[in-house]
């Protein structure tokens, strides 16, 4: 995966639109599915349930049907997002999602990668260079300025290590296949 330039304003605008759309769609579908499931599987019609509950001072619960409605709504929303992820509108959002997936893989192997980088392994240095560059890009896109100073220190240490070992390394050398050696 190669790092690409992403316009921060466009990314934030589209991400906010997708989040709002997801929440509205999820709410509408959850209520709809819950209502349909209650109508289909509830033993007593809804009017009788309310009247009986009022007369007896009890409350009736259709929690399981409503919960199942939420699960169905989540599945439908996930399928919709899966179908839309390659559309031009989702370019920035899907790109960031892919970068975060790679970062998660690297993070789980970071201890071994850092150890190998100190030992002079070029592939480990390439992975770290990519990891830090992608973190910086996402921190900027998400306005995460709190941890930026720590990241800058890590990047400086990495640059010094690369210079000490006299390697020529840049982020374009990164491929996901490099990660297989550091499980």
Protein backbone atom coordinates (compact mmCIF):
# COMPACT_ATOMS: atom_id res chain seq x y z
CA UNK A 1 0.00 0.00 0.00
CA UNK A 2 1.26 3.43 -0.90
CA UNK A 3 0.54 6.58 1.05
CA UNK A 4 -1.56 9.08 -0.90
CA UNK A 5 -2.30 12.72 -0.33
CA UNK A 6 -5.77 13.23 1.11
CA UNK A 7 -7.50 16.59 1.44
CA UNK A 8 -8.34 16.99 5.12
CA UNK A 9 -11.49 19.09 4.55
CA UNK A 10 -12.90 16.67 1.99
CA UNK A 11 -12.12 13.68 4.20
CA UNK A 12 -13.74 15.19 7.31
CA UNK A 13 -16.81 16.36 5.38
CA UNK A 14 -17.39 12.98 3.75
CA UNK A 15 -16.68 11.08 6.97
CA UNK A 16 -19.20 13.19 8.89
CA UNK A 17 -21.81 12.67 6.16
CA UNK A 18 -21.27 8.90 6.22
CA UNK A 19 -21.47 8.79 10.03
CA UNK A 20 -24.73 10.76 10.12
CA UNK A 21 -26.18 8.68 7.28
CA UNK A 22 -25.14 5.46 9.02
CA UNK A 23 -26.74 6.50 12.32
CA UNK A 24 -30.01 7.59 10.68
CA UNK A 25 -30.18 4.43 8.54
CA UNK A 26 -29.36 2.22 11.52
CA UNK A 27 -32.06 3.84 13.67
CA UNK A 28 -34.75 3.60 10.99
CA UNK A 29 -33.88 0.00 10.11
CA UNK A 30 -33.62 -1.10 13.76
CA UNK A 31 -37.05 0.28 14.60
CA UNK A 32 -38.52 -1.16 11.39
CA UNK A 33 -37.03 -4.61 11.87
CA UNK A 34 -38.00 -4.63 15.56
CA UNK A 35 -41.58 -3.71 14.71
CA UNK A 36 -41.79 -6.35 11.99
CA UNK A 37 -40.34 -9.05 14.25
CA UNK A 38 -42.74 -8.17 17.07
CA UNK A 39 -45.67 -8.25 14.66
CA UNK A 40 -44.60 -11.60 13.22
CA UNK A 41 -43.50 -13.50 16.31
CA UNK A 42 -45.25 -12.00 19.29
CA UNK A 43 -47.94 -14.38 20.57
CA UNK A 44 -50.39 -11.69 21.54
CA UNK A 45 -51.34 -8.77 19.31
CA UNK A 46 -49.81 -5.49 20.41
CA UNK A 47 -53.13 -3.94 21.45
CA UNK A 48 -53.93 -6.89 23.71
CA UNK A 49 -50.44 -6.78 25.23
CA UNK A 50 -50.84 -3.13 26.17
CA UNK A 51 -54.36 -3.60 27.53
CA UNK A 52 -53.41 -6.73 29.51
CA UNK A 53 -50.27 -5.08 30.89
CA UNK A 54 -52.21 -2.02 31.98
CA UNK A 55 -54.90 -4.11 33.64
CA UNK A 56 -52.39 -6.30 35.48
CA UNK A 57 -49.90 -3.52 36.19
CA UNK A 58 -47.17 -5.44 34.38
CA UNK A 59 -44.84 -4.45 31.62
CA UNK A 60 -44.26 -6.66 28.63
CA UNK A 61 -40.91 -6.86 27.02
CA UNK A 62 -40.09 -7.39 23.42
CA UNK A 63 -36.43 -6.83 24.11
CA UNK A 64 -35.28 -9.89 22.18
CA UNK A 65 -37.19 -8.80 19.05
CA UNK A 66 -35.90 -5.25 19.29
CA UNK A 67 -32.35 -6.51 19.89
CA UNK A 68 -32.62 -8.81 16.88
CA UNK A 69 -33.91 -5.83 14.89
CA UNK A 70 -30.76 -3.90 15.80
CA UNK A 71 -28.58 -6.86 14.77
CA UNK A 72 -30.38 -7.11 11.42
CA UNK A 73 -30.05 -3.34 10.93
CA UNK A 74 -26.30 -3.54 11.61
CA UNK A 75 -25.94 -6.35 9.08
CA UNK A 76 -27.84 -4.41 6.44
CA UNK A 77 -25.79 -1.26 7.10
CA UNK A 78 -22.57 -3.29 6.88
CA UNK A 79 -23.68 -4.77 3.55
CA UNK A 80 -24.55 -1.30 2.23
CA UNK A 81 -21.14 0.06 3.25
CA UNK A 82 -19.44 -2.98 1.71
CA UNK A 83 -21.18 -2.28 -1.60
CA UNK A 84 -20.37 1.45 -1.51
CA UNK A 85 -16.73 1.33 -0.37
CA UNK A 86 -15.31 1.43 -3.93
CA UNK A 87 -17.48 4.34 -5.09
CA UNK A 88 -15.67 7.64 -5.74
CA UNK A 89 -17.44 9.35 -2.82
CA UNK A 90 -15.87 6.86 -0.38
CA UNK A 91 -12.32 7.14 -1.78
CA UNK A 92 -10.83 9.06 1.16
CA UNK A 93 -12.77 7.18 3.82
CA UNK A 94 -11.88 3.75 2.41
CA UNK A 95 -8.24 4.75 1.98
CA UNK A 96 -8.00 5.78 5.64
CA UNK A 97 -9.74 2.56 6.69
CA UNK A 98 -7.18 0.52 4.70
CA UNK A 99 -4.27 2.42 6.25
CA UNK A 100 -5.69 1.80 9.73
CA UNK A 101 -5.96 -1.92 8.96
CA UNK A 102 -2.30 -2.06 7.99
CA UNK A 103 -1.35 -0.04 11.07
CA UNK A 104 -3.17 -2.56 13.26
CA UNK A 105 -1.19 -5.41 11.73
CA UNK A 106 2.07 -3.54 12.22
CA UNK A 107 1.15 -2.56 15.77
CA UNK A 108 0.56 -6.18 16.75
CA UNK A 109 4.05 -7.02 15.48
CA UNK A 110 5.74 -3.78 16.52
CA UNK A 111 7.86 -5.30 19.28
CA UNK A 112 9.48 -7.78 16.89
CA UNK A 113 9.83 -5.15 14.16
CA UNK A 114 11.57 -2.67 16.49
CA UNK A 115 13.92 -5.37 17.75
CA UNK A 116 14.81 -6.34 14.19
CA UNK A 117 15.34 -2.70 13.21
CA UNK A 118 17.89 -2.24 16.00
CA UNK A 119 19.62 -5.39 14.71
CA UNK A 120 19.91 -3.71 11.31
CA UNK A 121 17.24 -5.49 9.27
CA UNK A 122 16.40 -3.28 6.31
CA UNK A 123 12.83 -4.60 5.97
CA UNK A 124 12.08 -3.72 9.58
CA UNK A 125 13.34 -0.19 8.97
CA UNK A 126 11.15 0.10 5.87
CA UNK A 127 8.11 -1.05 7.85
CA UNK A 128 8.82 1.42 10.65
CA UNK A 129 9.32 4.29 8.18
CA UNK A 130 5.95 3.49 6.59
CA UNK A 131 4.27 3.02 9.97
CA UNK A 132 5.43 6.37 11.33
CA UNK A 133 4.63 8.21 8.08
CA UNK A 134 1.12 6.72 7.98
CA UNK A 135 0.56 7.56 11.65
CA UNK A 136 1.59 11.14 10.99
CA UNK A 137 -0.80 11.37 8.04
CA UNK A 138 -3.73 10.03 10.08
CA UNK A 139 -2.90 12.20 13.08
CA UNK A 140 -3.06 15.24 10.83
CA UNK A 141 -6.32 14.11 9.18
CA UNK A 142 -7.93 13.42 12.57
CA UNK A 143 -6.48 16.51 14.32
CA UNK A 144 -4.65 14.31 16.83
CA UNK A 145 -2.03 16.83 17.92
CA UNK A 146 -1.61 15.40 21.42
CA UNK A 147 0.59 12.47 20.38
CA UNK A 148 2.32 14.22 17.48
CA UNK A 149 5.36 15.22 19.58
CA UNK A 150 5.91 11.61 20.66
CA UNK A 151 5.63 10.48 17.05
CA UNK A 152 8.12 13.13 15.93
CA UNK A 153 10.62 11.84 18.52
CA UNK A 154 10.14 8.26 17.28
CA UNK A 155 10.62 9.39 13.67
CA UNK A 156 13.83 11.22 14.60
CA UNK A 157 15.18 8.13 16.39
CA UNK A 158 14.35 6.04 13.33
CA UNK A 159 16.07 8.50 10.98
CA UNK A 160 19.19 8.42 13.17
CA UNK A 161 19.15 4.62 13.21
CA UNK A 162 18.82 4.50 9.42
CA UNK A 163 21.74 6.90 9.03
CA UNK A 164 23.88 4.91 11.47
CA UNK A 165 23.25 1.73 9.51
CA UNK A 166 23.77 3.54 6.19
CA UNK A 167 20.57 2.29 4.54
CA UNK A 168 18.67 4.00 1.75
CA UNK A 169 15.04 3.72 2.83
CA UNK A 170 11.82 5.42 1.84
CA UNK A 171 8.15 4.65 2.38
CA UNK A 172 7.55 3.67 -1.24
CA UNK A 173 9.57 0.49 -0.57
CA UNK A 174 6.86 -0.80 1.79
CA UNK A 175 4.69 -3.76 0.83
CA UNK A 176 2.45 -5.82 3.07
CA UNK A 177 4.48 -8.92 2.25
CA UNK A 178 7.32 -7.49 4.36
CA UNK A 179 5.16 -8.06 7.45
CA UNK A 180 5.09 -11.84 7.09
CA UNK A 181 8.58 -12.16 8.57
CA UNK A 182 7.56 -10.55 11.88
CA UNK A 183 4.79 -12.68 13.37
